[in-house]
Amino acid sequence: MKAAFLTGVRTIEIRDIPSPKIVRDDDVLIRSQAVGVCGSDLHYYLSGHVGGDAVSYPFIPGHECAGIVAEAGRAVTRVKPGDAVVIEPAVSCGTCDQCRTGRPHTCRKLLFLGHYGELTGGMAEFVLAPERNCVPLPAKMTAVQGALAEPLSIALYAAGLAGSVRGKAAGVLGTGPIGLCLIMALKADGGGPVCATEKIEARLAAAAKAGADWTGNPDREDIVGEVLARESPGLDVVFESCGEQSALDQGIALLKPGGTLVVIGIPLEPRVSFDSSKVRRKEIRVQNVRRQNRCLERAVGMIHAGRIKPDFLATHFFPLDQAREAYEIAAARRDGVLKAIVTP
């Protein structure tokens, strides 16, 4: 089969390698049909270090992956050849203290699809996953919608970590795909007014399309002043989804006393900081997000029911042999790209 390998910074090679084989009884072999280029993939692509950890090349990336079951192990009953599925990329052990207490996403032995040194990703013609990580797609859902369900699941999880969002004023700082999914998730769950910020004009327009009540560019406007003029008590919750220190600072300034800052963005730097006086005096709760926890099936269900319509996020499509172009466009955020999709 053909596969796209990240072989170094800004380097992708298409290689011919043997197709994966069914080894365990619960293995499922999937013909990859749609793979999203995620922000974390771009970290691997643009830098040899992410959050203090060195990236080990080469490896096959891609964890936002949906496709068609090609073959199933003899113990598999949930899916069969011909079924459409989206892959839950985090493979947990099921037996450690984290798994036993309902936290498989922080499993002590967690393996992640498309992560260097762990599991082979979906940027290939075929990919292998355990049966428990294969979420069936309803007949009317496309593979692209399946791939988009993965970032939506992170947004749903992040929104849940903030507690009930019904009627609450929220900020979304950074409107890449996950930020846009957050806006849609907040509105679908009865959230109040949403103020969204972004430095790229095309993504500001997308934020309005996703349902944001106000949008602003922090390079051109006094974000804190503009938002507090609209929501004078301050915001109940702010979702930082761009991984920038300036957004963390703005989030603290925008929150009302007792508010919650939910940190989703992944900074390239290993350390970030907070104004301890402001955080303490307003008693701000800071909640970090580690991927998602058992929200993928809910994301699929919400898309299928029409409660969330993420199709507009998929703006650019590339065959596997143009994977590097997909990464370059996504990294440069040019040509109005929101989500680049590779179609092996």
C-alpha atoms as a PDB file:
ATOM      1  CA  MET A   1       0.000   0.000   0.000  1.00  0.00           C
ATOM      2  CA  LYS A   2       0.947   3.669  -0.268  1.00  0.00           C
ATOM      3  CA  ALA A   3       1.495   5.687   2.898  1.00  0.00           C
ATOM      4  CA  ALA A   4       2.538   9.244   3.718  1.00  0.00           C
ATOM      5  CA  PHE A   5       5.489   9.388   6.128  1.00  0.00           C
ATOM      6  CA  LEU A   6       6.552  12.437   8.077  1.00  0.00           C
ATOM      7  CA  THR A   7      10.322  12.104   7.742  1.00  0.00           C
ATOM      8  CA  GLY A   8      11.441  15.432   9.194  1.00  0.00           C
ATOM      9  CA  VAL A   9      10.482  19.061   9.617  1.00  0.00           C
ATOM     10  CA  ARG A  10       8.346  20.084   6.607  1.00  0.00           C
ATOM     11  CA  THR A  11       9.178  16.806   4.884  1.00  0.00           C
ATOM     12  CA  ILE A  12       6.653  14.172   3.777  1.00  0.00           C
ATOM     13  CA  GLU A  13       7.468  11.129   1.651  1.00  0.00           C
ATOM     14  CA  ILE A  14       5.040   8.785  -0.062  1.00  0.00           C
ATOM     15  CA  ARG A  15       6.298   5.222   0.348  1.00  0.00           C
ATOM     16  CA  ASP A  16       5.147   1.780  -0.735  1.00  0.00           C
ATOM     17  CA  ILE A  17       4.968  -0.510   2.286  1.00  0.00           C
ATOM     18  CA  PRO A  18       3.197  -3.784   3.135  1.00  0.00           C
ATOM     19  CA  SER A  19      -0.418  -3.421   4.180  1.00  0.00           C
ATOM     20  CA  PRO A  20      -1.107  -4.068   7.877  1.00  0.00           C
ATOM     21  CA  LYS A  21      -2.374  -7.533   8.723  1.00  0.00           C
ATOM     22  CA  ILE A  22      -4.968  -8.825  11.144  1.00  0.00           C
ATOM     23  CA  VAL A  23      -3.006 -10.156  14.130  1.00  0.00           C
ATOM     24  CA  ARG A  24      -5.356 -10.069  17.126  1.00  0.00           C
ATOM     25  CA  ASP A  25      -8.856 -11.478  17.132  1.00  0.00           C
ATOM     26  CA  ASP A  26     -10.303  -8.008  17.746  1.00  0.00           C
ATOM     27  CA  ASP A  27      -8.323  -6.270  14.985  1.00  0.00           C
ATOM     28  CA  VAL A  28     -10.179  -4.382  12.256  1.00  0.00           C
ATOM     29  CA  LEU A  29      -8.522  -3.463   8.950  1.00  0.00           C
ATOM     30  CA  ILE A  30      -9.941  -0.237   7.535  1.00  0.00           C
ATOM     31  CA  ARG A  31      -9.558   1.228   4.060  1.00  0.00           C
ATOM     32  CA  SER A  32      -8.885   4.864   4.839  1.00  0.00           C
ATOM     33  CA  GLN A  33     -11.174   7.273   2.987  1.00  0.00           C
ATOM     34  CA  ALA A  34     -10.896  10.643   4.748  1.00  0.00           C
ATOM     35  CA  VAL A  35      -8.180  11.916   7.100  1.00  0.00           C
ATOM     36  CA  GLY A  36      -8.174  15.416   8.552  1.00  0.00           C
ATOM     37  CA  VAL A  37      -4.979  17.401   9.070  1.00  0.00           C
ATOM     38  CA  CYS A  38      -5.112  18.392  12.746  1.00  0.00           C
ATOM     39  CA  GLY A  39      -3.311  21.203  14.538  1.00  0.00           C
ATOM     40  CA  SER A  40      -1.263  18.661  16.481  1.00  0.00           C
ATOM     41  CA  ASP A  41      -0.192  17.125  13.155  1.00  0.00           C
ATOM     42  CA  LEU A  42       1.079  20.558  12.163  1.00  0.00           C
ATOM     43  CA  HIS A  43       3.146  20.710  15.353  1.00  0.00           C
ATOM     44  CA  TYR A  44       4.883  17.518  14.219  1.00  0.00           C
ATOM     45  CA  TYR A  45       5.288  18.937  10.718  1.00  0.00           C
ATOM     46  CA  LEU A  46       6.601  22.383  11.636  1.00  0.00           C
ATOM     47  CA  SER A  47       8.788  21.620  14.631  1.00  0.00           C
ATOM     48  CA  GLY A  48      11.025  18.820  15.787  1.00  0.00           C
ATOM     49  CA  HIS A  49       9.916  19.584  19.344  1.00  0.00           C
ATOM     50  CA  VAL A  50       6.401  19.866  20.752  1.00  0.00           C
ATOM     51  CA  GLY A  51       5.834  21.025  24.320  1.00  0.00           C
ATOM     52  CA  GLY A  52       9.368  20.046  25.301  1.00  0.00           C
ATOM     53  CA  ASP A  53       9.171  16.578  23.713  1.00  0.00           C
ATOM     54  CA  ALA A  54      11.350  15.711  20.715  1.00  0.00           C
ATOM     55  CA  VAL A  55       9.514  14.322  17.686  1.00  0.00           C
ATOM     56  CA  SER A  56      10.896  10.996  16.463  1.00  0.00           C
ATOM     57  CA  TYR A  57      10.774  10.588  12.663  1.00  0.00           C
ATOM     58  CA  PRO A  58       9.741   8.852  10.445  1.00  0.00           C
ATOM     59  CA  PHE A  59       6.131   7.900  11.154  1.00  0.00           C
ATOM     60  CA  ILE A  60       2.701   7.822   9.493  1.00  0.00           C
ATOM     61  CA  PRO A  61       0.489  10.608  10.916  1.00  0.00           C
ATOM     62  CA  GLY A  62      -3.266  11.098  10.842  1.00  0.00           C
ATOM     63  CA  HIS A  63      -5.725  10.475  13.669  1.00  0.00           C
ATOM     64  CA  GLU A  64      -8.911  12.091  12.319  1.00  0.00           C
ATOM     65  CA  CYS A  65      -9.664   9.048  10.219  1.00  0.00           C
ATOM     66  CA  ALA A  66     -12.768   7.437   8.742  1.00  0.00           C
ATOM     67  CA  GLY A  67     -13.126   4.673   6.193  1.00  0.00           C
ATOM     68  CA  ILE A  68     -14.610   1.323   5.216  1.00  0.00           C
ATOM     69  CA  VAL A  69     -13.974  -1.954   7.026  1.00  0.00           C
ATOM     70  CA  ALA A  70     -11.966  -4.213   4.716  1.00  0.00           C
ATOM     71  CA  GLU A  71     -11.411  -7.164   7.060  1.00  0.00           C
ATOM     72  CA  ALA A  72     -12.238  -8.058  10.653  1.00  0.00           C
ATOM     73  CA  GLY A  73     -10.708 -10.435  13.194  1.00  0.00           C
ATOM     74  CA  ARG A  74     -12.647 -13.558  14.088  1.00  0.00           C
ATOM     75  CA  ALA A  75     -13.857 -12.157  17.431  1.00  0.00           C
ATOM     76  CA  VAL A  76     -15.196  -8.898  15.967  1.00  0.00           C
ATOM     77  CA  THR A  77     -18.974  -8.499  16.167  1.00  0.00           C
ATOM     78  CA  ARG A  78     -19.522  -4.723  16.244  1.00  0.00           C
ATOM     79  CA  VAL A  79     -18.591  -4.134  12.598  1.00  0.00           C
ATOM     80  CA  LYS A  80     -18.190  -6.183   9.436  1.00  0.00           C
ATOM     81  CA  PRO A  81     -16.530  -5.730   6.033  1.00  0.00           C
ATOM     82  CA  GLY A  82     -18.248  -2.979   4.086  1.00  0.00           C
ATOM     83  CA  ASP A  83     -19.280  -0.968   7.151  1.00  0.00           C
ATOM     84  CA  ALA A  84     -18.292   2.699   7.386  1.00  0.00           C
ATOM     85  CA  VAL A  85     -16.506   3.656  10.620  1.00  0.00           C
ATOM     86  CA  VAL A  86     -14.639   6.498  12.273  1.00  0.00           C
ATOM     87  CA  ILE A  87     -11.687   5.528  14.425  1.00  0.00           C
ATOM     88  CA  GLU A  88     -11.372   6.590  18.052  1.00  0.00           C
ATOM     89  CA  PRO A  89      -7.625   7.331  17.916  1.00  0.00           C
ATOM     90  CA  ALA A  90      -6.781   6.778  21.596  1.00  0.00           C
ATOM     91  CA  VAL A  91      -6.209   3.093  22.399  1.00  0.00           C
ATOM     92  CA  SER A  92      -6.279   2.560  26.158  1.00  0.00           C
ATOM     93  CA  CYS A  93      -5.300  -0.538  28.138  1.00  0.00           C
ATOM     94  CA  GLY A  94      -8.573  -0.858  30.077  1.00  0.00           C
ATOM     95  CA  THR A  95      -6.884  -2.086  33.253  1.00  0.00           C
ATOM     96  CA  CYS A  96      -4.818   0.745  34.786  1.00  0.00           C
ATOM     97  CA  ASP A  97      -6.073   3.063  37.541  1.00  0.00           C
ATOM     98  CA  GLN A  98      -7.056   5.732  35.010  1.00  0.00           C
ATOM     99  CA  CYS A  99      -9.068   3.359  32.855  1.00  0.00           C
ATOM    100  CA  ARG A 100     -10.769   1.831  35.880  1.00  0.00           C
ATOM    101  CA  THR A 101     -11.894   5.266  37.115  1.00  0.00           C
ATOM    102  CA  GLY A 102     -13.386   6.380  33.798  1.00  0.00           C
ATOM    103  CA  ARG A 103     -10.362   8.202  32.393  1.00  0.00           C
ATOM    104  CA  PRO A 104      -9.198   6.099  29.425  1.00  0.00           C
ATOM    105  CA  HIS A 105      -7.918   9.248  27.712  1.00  0.00           C
ATOM    106  CA  THR A 106      -5.195   9.535  30.395  1.00  0.00           C
ATOM    107  CA  CYS A 107      -4.462   5.804  30.407  1.00  0.00           C
ATOM    108  CA  ARG A 108      -1.021   4.980  31.793  1.00  0.00           C
ATOM    109  CA  LYS A 109      -0.277   2.908  28.683  1.00  0.00           C
ATOM    110  CA  LEU A 110      -2.153   5.025  26.150  1.00  0.00           C
ATOM    111  CA  LEU A 111      -1.302   4.577  22.483  1.00  0.00           C
ATOM    112  CA  PHE A 112      -2.474   7.147  19.949  1.00  0.00           C
ATOM    113  CA  LEU A 113      -3.130   6.775  16.255  1.00  0.00           C
ATOM    114  CA  GLY A 114      -0.641   8.717  14.146  1.00  0.00           C
ATOM    115  CA  HIS A 115       1.563   9.684  17.075  1.00  0.00           C
ATOM    116  CA  TYR A 116       5.293   9.106  16.673  1.00  0.00           C
ATOM    117  CA  GLY A 117       6.538   6.038  18.501  1.00  0.00           C
ATOM    118  CA  GLU A 118       2.993   4.783  19.108  1.00  0.00           C
ATOM    119  CA  LEU A 119       0.457   3.714  16.454  1.00  0.00           C
ATOM    120  CA  THR A 120       0.526   3.959  12.666  1.00  0.00           C
ATOM    121  CA  GLY A 121      -1.810   6.721  11.519  1.00  0.00           C
ATOM    122  CA  GLY A 122      -4.471   6.992   8.860  1.00  0.00           C
ATOM    123  CA  MET A 123      -2.429   8.757   6.150  1.00  0.00           C
ATOM    124  CA  ALA A 124      -2.233   5.469   4.275  1.00  0.00           C
ATOM    125  CA  GLU A 125      -4.451   3.302   2.149  1.00  0.00           C
ATOM    126  CA  PHE A 126      -5.132   0.962   5.076  1.00  0.00           C
ATOM    127  CA  VAL A 127      -5.022   1.353   8.854  1.00  0.00           C
ATOM    128  CA  LEU A 128      -5.498  -1.128  11.701  1.00  0.00           C
ATOM    129  CA  ALA A 129      -7.560  -0.456  14.841  1.00  0.00           C
ATOM    130  CA  PRO A 130      -9.097  -2.508  17.671  1.00  0.00           C
ATOM    131  CA  GLU A 131     -12.807  -3.239  17.391  1.00  0.00           C
ATOM    132  CA  ARG A 132     -13.577  -1.131  20.479  1.00  0.00           C
ATOM    133  CA  ASN A 133     -12.074   1.901  18.725  1.00  0.00           C
ATOM    134  CA  CYS A 134     -14.268   1.593  15.631  1.00  0.00           C
ATOM    135  CA  VAL A 135     -17.401   3.738  15.837  1.00  0.00           C
ATOM    136  CA  PRO A 136     -19.948   2.788  13.160  1.00  0.00           C
ATOM    137  CA  LEU A 137     -21.213   5.589  10.925  1.00  0.00           C
ATOM    138  CA  PRO A 138     -24.934   5.717  10.099  1.00  0.00           C
ATOM    139  CA  ALA A 139     -25.760   5.024   6.463  1.00  0.00           C
ATOM    140  CA  LYS A 140     -26.399   8.671   5.570  1.00  0.00           C
ATOM    141  CA  MET A 141     -23.121   9.961   7.008  1.00  0.00           C
ATOM    142  CA  THR A 142     -20.097  10.462   4.781  1.00  0.00           C
ATOM    143  CA  ALA A 143     -16.508   9.542   5.576  1.00  0.00           C
ATOM    144  CA  VAL A 144     -15.658  13.255   5.666  1.00  0.00           C
ATOM    145  CA  GLN A 145     -18.335  13.821   8.305  1.00  0.00           C
ATOM    146  CA  GLY A 146     -16.860  10.884  10.198  1.00  0.00           C
ATOM    147  CA  ALA A 147     -13.417  12.469  10.138  1.00  0.00           C
ATOM    148  CA  LEU A 148     -14.907  15.780  11.325  1.00  0.00           C
ATOM    149  CA  ALA A 149     -16.589  13.989  14.228  1.00  0.00           C
ATOM    150  CA  GLU A 150     -13.179  13.516  15.859  1.00  0.00           C
ATOM    151  CA  PRO A 151     -12.382  17.236  16.405  1.00  0.00           C
ATOM    152  CA  LEU A 152     -16.050  17.758  17.303  1.00  0.00           C
ATOM    153  CA  SER A 153     -15.658  15.155  20.051  1.00  0.00           C
ATOM    154  CA  ILE A 154     -12.861  17.245  21.581  1.00  0.00           C
ATOM    155  CA  ALA A 155     -15.080  20.309  21.527  1.00  0.00           C
ATOM    156  CA  LEU A 156     -17.920  18.415  23.185  1.00  0.00           C
ATOM    157  CA  TYR A 157     -15.589  17.134  25.871  1.00  0.00           C
ATOM    158  CA  ALA A 158     -14.116  20.602  26.484  1.00  0.00           C
ATOM    159  CA  ALA A 159     -17.573  22.143  26.749  1.00  0.00           C
ATOM    160  CA  GLY A 160     -18.547  19.466  29.262  1.00  0.00           C
ATOM    161  CA  LEU A 161     -15.499  20.183  31.404  1.00  0.00           C
ATOM    162  CA  ALA A 162     -16.793  23.736  31.824  1.00  0.00           C
ATOM    163  CA  GLY A 163     -19.942  22.409  33.475  1.00  0.00           C
ATOM    164  CA  SER A 164     -23.385  23.298  32.210  1.00  0.00           C
ATOM    165  CA  VAL A 165     -23.073  25.944  29.485  1.00  0.00           C
ATOM    166  CA  ARG A 166     -26.802  26.562  29.194  1.00  0.00           C
ATOM    167  CA  GLY A 167     -27.453  30.307  29.107  1.00  0.00           C
ATOM    168  CA  LYS A 168     -23.831  31.169  29.954  1.00  0.00           C
ATOM    169  CA  ALA A 169     -21.774  33.823  28.172  1.00  0.00           C
ATOM    170  CA  ALA A 170     -18.705  32.270  26.580  1.00  0.00           C
ATOM    171  CA  GLY A 171     -15.580  33.260  24.733  1.00  0.00           C
ATOM    172  CA  VAL A 172     -13.794  31.146  22.136  1.00  0.00           C
ATOM    173  CA  LEU A 173     -10.284  32.461  21.500  1.00  0.00           C
ATOM    174  CA  GLY A 174      -9.046  30.942  18.263  1.00  0.00           C
ATOM    175  CA  THR A 175     -11.463  29.700  15.620  1.00  0.00           C
ATOM    176  CA  GLY A 176      -9.611  26.926  13.895  1.00  0.00           C
ATOM    177  CA  PRO A 177     -11.603  23.702  13.429  1.00  0.00           C
ATOM    178  CA  ILE A 178     -11.846  22.874  17.143  1.00  0.00           C
ATOM    179  CA  GLY A 179     -12.774  26.451  18.038  1.00  0.00           C
ATOM    180  CA  LEU A 180     -15.471  26.390  15.370  1.00  0.00           C
ATOM    181  CA  CYS A 181     -16.708  23.037  16.646  1.00  0.00           C
ATOM    182  CA  LEU A 182     -16.839  24.573  20.126  1.00  0.00           C
ATOM    183  CA  ILE A 183     -19.080  27.379  18.957  1.00  0.00           C
ATOM    184  CA  MET A 184     -21.454  24.872  17.383  1.00  0.00           C
ATOM    185  CA  ALA A 185     -21.335  22.642  20.463  1.00  0.00           C
ATOM    186  CA  LEU A 186     -22.100  25.540  22.809  1.00  0.00           C
ATOM    187  CA  LYS A 187     -25.060  26.639  20.717  1.00  0.00           C
ATOM    188  CA  ALA A 188     -26.358  23.072  20.383  1.00  0.00           C
ATOM    189  CA  ASP A 189     -26.308  22.704  24.177  1.00  0.00           C
ATOM    190  CA  GLY A 190     -28.220  25.921  24.834  1.00  0.00           C
ATOM    191  CA  GLY A 191     -25.281  28.213  25.517  1.00  0.00           C
ATOM    192  CA  GLY A 192     -25.729  31.956  25.795  1.00  0.00           C
ATOM    193  CA  PRO A 193     -23.902  34.602  23.756  1.00  0.00           C
ATOM    194  CA  VAL A 194     -20.574  33.508  22.252  1.00  0.00           C
ATOM    195  CA  CYS A 195     -17.769  35.967  21.523  1.00  0.00           C
ATOM    196  CA  ALA A 196     -15.088  34.589  19.210  1.00  0.00           C
ATOM    197  CA  THR A 197     -11.647  35.942  18.341  1.00  0.00           C
ATOM    198  CA  GLU A 198      -9.299  35.067  15.514  1.00  0.00           C
ATOM    199  CA  LYS A 199      -6.495  36.743  13.565  1.00  0.00           C
ATOM    200  CA  ILE A 200      -7.462  35.265  10.171  1.00  0.00           C
ATOM    201  CA  GLU A 201     -10.426  36.975   8.516  1.00  0.00           C
ATOM    202  CA  ALA A 202     -11.710  33.840   6.755  1.00  0.00           C
ATOM    203  CA  ARG A 203     -11.913  32.095  10.112  1.00  0.00           C
ATOM    204  CA  LEU A 204     -13.767  35.038  11.645  1.00  0.00           C
ATOM    205  CA  ALA A 205     -16.357  34.657   8.892  1.00  0.00           C
ATOM    206  CA  ALA A 206     -16.515  30.949   9.646  1.00  0.00           C
ATOM    207  CA  ALA A 207     -17.047  31.712  13.338  1.00  0.00           C
ATOM    208  CA  ALA A 208     -20.093  33.811  12.460  1.00  0.00           C
ATOM    209  CA  LYS A 209     -21.354  30.957  10.282  1.00  0.00           C
ATOM    210  CA  ALA A 210     -20.848  28.555  13.176  1.00  0.00           C
ATOM    211  CA  GLY A 211     -23.097  30.732  15.351  1.00  0.00           C
ATOM    212  CA  ALA A 212     -20.862  33.255  17.138  1.00  0.00           C
ATOM    213  CA  ASP A 213     -22.772  36.358  18.263  1.00  0.00           C
ATOM    214  CA  TRP A 214     -19.719  38.617  18.023  1.00  0.00           C
ATOM    215  CA  THR A 215     -16.335  38.196  16.356  1.00  0.00           C
ATOM    216  CA  GLY A 216     -13.151  40.233  16.624  1.00  0.00           C
ATOM    217  CA  ASN A 217      -9.551  40.276  15.448  1.00  0.00           C
ATOM    218  CA  PRO A 218      -7.061  40.755  18.331  1.00  0.00           C
ATOM    219  CA  ASP A 219      -4.542  42.276  15.913  1.00  0.00           C
ATOM    220  CA  ARG A 220      -6.976  45.066  15.044  1.00  0.00           C
ATOM    221  CA  GLU A 221      -9.240  45.540  18.044  1.00  0.00           C
ATOM    222  CA  ASP A 222      -9.204  45.904  21.801  1.00  0.00           C
ATOM    223  CA  ILE A 223     -10.724  42.471  22.381  1.00  0.00           C
ATOM    224  CA  VAL A 224     -11.130  42.831  26.116  1.00  0.00           C
ATOM    225  CA  GLY A 225     -12.698  46.271  25.841  1.00  0.00           C
ATOM    226  CA  GLU A 226     -15.075  45.266  23.046  1.00  0.00           C
ATOM    227  CA  VAL A 227     -16.275  42.079  24.747  1.00  0.00           C
ATOM    228  CA  LEU A 228     -16.720  43.664  28.179  1.00  0.00           C
ATOM    229  CA  ALA A 229     -18.690  46.479  26.577  1.00  0.00           C
ATOM    230  CA  ARG A 230     -21.140  43.801  25.423  1.00  0.00           C
ATOM    231  CA  GLU A 231     -20.958  41.558  28.474  1.00  0.00           C
ATOM    232  CA  SER A 232     -20.184  43.993  31.278  1.00  0.00           C
ATOM    233  CA  PRO A 233     -20.057  41.480  34.170  1.00  0.00           C
ATOM    234  CA  GLY A 234     -17.514  39.436  32.206  1.00  0.00           C
ATOM    235  CA  LEU A 235     -17.783  36.001  30.634  1.00  0.00           C
ATOM    236  CA  ASP A 236     -18.736  32.853  32.507  1.00  0.00           C
ATOM    237  CA  VAL A 237     -16.317  30.655  30.586  1.00  0.00           C
ATOM    238  CA  VAL A 238     -13.521  31.175  28.086  1.00  0.00           C
ATOM    239  CA  PHE A 239     -12.130  28.469  25.816  1.00  0.00           C
ATOM    240  CA  GLU A 240      -8.538  29.126  24.754  1.00  0.00           C
ATOM    241  CA  SER A 241      -8.112  27.143  21.540  1.00  0.00           C
ATOM    242  CA  CYS A 242      -5.085  28.605  19.791  1.00  0.00           C
ATOM    243  CA  GLY A 243      -2.159  27.844  22.099  1.00  0.00           C
ATOM    244  CA  GLU A 244      -0.949  31.443  22.447  1.00  0.00           C
ATOM    245  CA  GLN A 245       0.148  33.249  25.601  1.00  0.00           C
ATOM    246  CA  SER A 246      -1.689  36.421  24.553  1.00  0.00           C
ATOM    247  CA  ALA A 247      -4.961  34.491  24.349  1.00  0.00           C
ATOM    248  CA  LEU A 248      -4.458  33.068  27.842  1.00  0.00           C
ATOM    249  CA  ASP A 249      -3.947  36.614  29.145  1.00  0.00           C
ATOM    250  CA  GLN A 250      -7.059  37.842  27.341  1.00  0.00           C
ATOM    251  CA  GLY A 251      -9.059  34.918  28.697  1.00  0.00           C
ATOM    252  CA  ILE A 252      -8.216  35.821  32.300  1.00  0.00           C
ATOM    253  CA  ALA A 253      -9.120  39.469  31.654  1.00  0.00           C
ATOM    254  CA  LEU A 254     -12.453  38.533  30.057  1.00  0.00           C
ATOM    255  CA  LEU A 255     -13.690  36.230  32.824  1.00  0.00           C
ATOM    256  CA  LYS A 256     -15.980  37.336  35.619  1.00  0.00           C
ATOM    257  CA  PRO A 257     -15.043  36.394  39.204  1.00  0.00           C
ATOM    258  CA  GLY A 258     -15.556  32.675  39.639  1.00  0.00           C
ATOM    259  CA  GLY A 259     -15.257  32.083  35.903  1.00  0.00           C
ATOM    260  CA  THR A 260     -13.565  29.156  34.176  1.00  0.00           C
ATOM    261  CA  LEU A 261     -10.714  29.184  31.685  1.00  0.00           C
ATOM    262  CA  VAL A 262     -10.659  25.989  29.597  1.00  0.00           C
ATOM    263  CA  VAL A 263      -7.275  25.493  27.933  1.00  0.00           C
ATOM    264  CA  ILE A 264      -7.460  23.450  24.737  1.00  0.00           C
ATOM    265  CA  GLY A 265      -4.702  24.980  22.612  1.00  0.00           C
ATOM    266  CA  ILE A 266      -1.287  23.318  22.561  1.00  0.00           C
ATOM    267  CA  PRO A 267       1.547  25.865  22.790  1.00  0.00           C
ATOM    268  CA  LEU A 268       4.804  25.094  21.036  1.00  0.00           C
ATOM    269  CA  GLU A 269       6.621  26.338  24.145  1.00  0.00           C
ATOM    270  CA  PRO A 270       6.882  23.976  27.131  1.00  0.00           C
ATOM    271  CA  ARG A 271       5.782  26.698  29.599  1.00  0.00           C
ATOM    272  CA  VAL A 272       3.007  29.298  29.775  1.00  0.00           C
ATOM    273  CA  SER A 273       2.202  31.745  32.574  1.00  0.00           C
ATOM    274  CA  PHE A 274      -0.701  33.461  34.290  1.00  0.00           C
ATOM    275  CA  ASP A 275      -0.969  36.722  36.201  1.00  0.00           C
ATOM    276  CA  SER A 276      -1.269  35.099  39.614  1.00  0.00           C
ATOM    277  CA  SER A 277      -2.843  38.205  41.172  1.00  0.00           C
ATOM    278  CA  LYS A 278      -5.696  38.337  38.636  1.00  0.00           C
ATOM    279  CA  VAL A 279      -6.286  34.597  38.744  1.00  0.00           C
ATOM    280  CA  ARG A 280      -6.338  34.601  42.545  1.00  0.00           C
ATOM    281  CA  ARG A 281      -8.428  37.718  43.088  1.00  0.00           C
ATOM    282  CA  LYS A 282     -11.114  36.589  40.669  1.00  0.00           C
ATOM    283  CA  GLU A 283     -10.766  32.975  41.828  1.00  0.00           C
ATOM    284  CA  ILE A 284     -10.489  31.754  38.261  1.00  0.00           C
ATOM    285  CA  ARG A 285     -10.624  28.020  37.692  1.00  0.00           C
ATOM    286  CA  VAL A 286      -8.156  26.814  35.046  1.00  0.00           C
ATOM    287  CA  GLN A 287      -9.177  23.555  33.386  1.00  0.00           C
ATOM    288  CA  ASN A 288      -6.859  21.807  30.950  1.00  0.00           C
ATOM    289  CA  VAL A 289      -8.122  19.485  28.224  1.00  0.00           C
ATOM    290  CA  ARG A 290      -6.447  16.224  27.246  1.00  0.00           C
ATOM    291  CA  ARG A 291      -7.928  15.203  23.910  1.00  0.00           C
ATOM    292  CA  GLN A 292     -11.406  13.793  24.697  1.00  0.00           C
ATOM    293  CA  ASN A 293     -13.069  11.177  26.815  1.00  0.00           C
ATOM    294  CA  ARG A 294     -15.789   8.975  25.316  1.00  0.00           C
ATOM    295  CA  CYS A 295     -17.428  11.729  23.248  1.00  0.00           C
ATOM    296  CA  LEU A 296     -16.902  10.397  19.712  1.00  0.00           C
ATOM    297  CA  GLU A 297     -20.147   8.435  19.536  1.00  0.00           C
ATOM    298  CA  ARG A 298     -22.035  11.482  20.788  1.00  0.00           C
ATOM    299  CA  ALA A 299     -20.370  13.600  18.094  1.00  0.00           C
ATOM    300  CA  VAL A 300     -21.413  11.107  15.419  1.00  0.00           C
ATOM    301  CA  GLY A 301     -24.969  11.110  16.787  1.00  0.00           C
ATOM    302  CA  MET A 302     -25.221  14.909  16.816  1.00  0.00           C
ATOM    303  CA  ILE A 303     -24.017  15.155  13.220  1.00  0.00           C
ATOM    304  CA  HIS A 304     -26.374  12.392  12.116  1.00  0.00           C
ATOM    305  CA  ALA A 305     -29.316  14.091  13.859  1.00  0.00           C
ATOM    306  CA  GLY A 306     -28.478  17.431  12.235  1.00  0.00           C
ATOM    307  CA  ARG A 307     -27.933  19.136  15.585  1.00  0.00           C
ATOM    308  CA  ILE A 308     -24.438  20.082  14.441  1.00  0.00           C
ATOM    309  CA  LYS A 309     -23.575  20.622  10.776  1.00  0.00           C
ATOM    310  CA  PRO A 310     -19.785  20.630  10.396  1.00  0.00           C
ATOM    311  CA  ASP A 311     -19.526  20.040   6.634  1.00  0.00           C
ATOM    312  CA  PHE A 312     -18.395  23.615   5.918  1.00  0.00           C
ATOM    313  CA  LEU A 313     -15.217  22.947   7.913  1.00  0.00           C
ATOM    314  CA  ALA A 314     -13.863  20.650   5.180  1.00  0.00           C
ATOM    315  CA  THR A 315     -12.592  23.227   2.702  1.00  0.00           C
ATOM    316  CA  HIS A 316      -9.703  21.508   0.907  1.00  0.00           C
ATOM    317  CA  PHE A 317      -9.266  17.947  -0.392  1.00  0.00           C
ATOM    318  CA  PHE A 318      -6.084  16.193  -1.489  1.00  0.00           C
ATOM    319  CA  PRO A 319      -5.172  12.718  -2.719  1.00  0.00           C
ATOM    320  CA  LEU A 320      -2.571  10.862  -0.685  1.00  0.00           C
ATOM    321  CA  ASP A 321       0.299  11.746  -3.024  1.00  0.00           C
ATOM    322  CA  GLN A 322      -0.401  15.431  -2.338  1.00  0.00           C
ATOM    323  CA  ALA A 323      -0.276  15.072   1.453  1.00  0.00           C
ATOM    324  CA  ARG A 324       2.628  17.532   1.715  1.00  0.00           C
ATOM    325  CA  GLU A 325       0.591  20.176  -0.097  1.00  0.00           C
ATOM    326  CA  ALA A 326      -2.267  19.546   2.337  1.00  0.00           C
ATOM    327  CA  TYR A 327       0.086  20.142   5.274  1.00  0.00           C
ATOM    328  CA  GLU A 328       1.625  23.235   3.693  1.00  0.00           C
ATOM    329  CA  ILE A 329      -1.732  24.886   3.026  1.00  0.00           C
ATOM    330  CA  ALA A 330      -2.982  24.013   6.510  1.00  0.00           C
ATOM    331  CA  ALA A 331       0.238  25.254   8.131  1.00  0.00           C
ATOM    332  CA  ALA A 332       0.211  28.544   6.207  1.00  0.00           C
ATOM    333  CA  ARG A 333      -3.543  28.929   6.772  1.00  0.00           C
ATOM    334  CA  ARG A 334      -3.828  30.188   3.241  1.00  0.00           C
ATOM    335  CA  ASP A 335      -6.538  30.045   0.620  1.00  0.00           C
ATOM    336  CA  GLY A 336      -9.295  30.173   3.242  1.00  0.00           C
ATOM    337  CA  VAL A 337      -8.428  26.746   4.600  1.00  0.00           C
ATOM    338  CA  LEU A 338     -10.284  25.512   7.655  1.00  0.00           C
ATOM    339  CA  LYS A 339      -9.736  21.770   7.485  1.00  0.00           C
ATOM    340  CA  ALA A 340      -7.602  20.030   4.873  1.00  0.00           C
ATOM    341  CA  ILE A 341      -8.753  16.481   4.172  1.00  0.00           C
ATOM    342  CA  VAL A 342      -6.529  13.811   2.646  1.00  0.00           C
ATOM    343  CA  THR A 343      -8.438  11.101   0.773  1.00  0.00           C
ATOM    344  CA  PRO A 344      -6.244   7.985   0.511  1.00  0.00           C
END
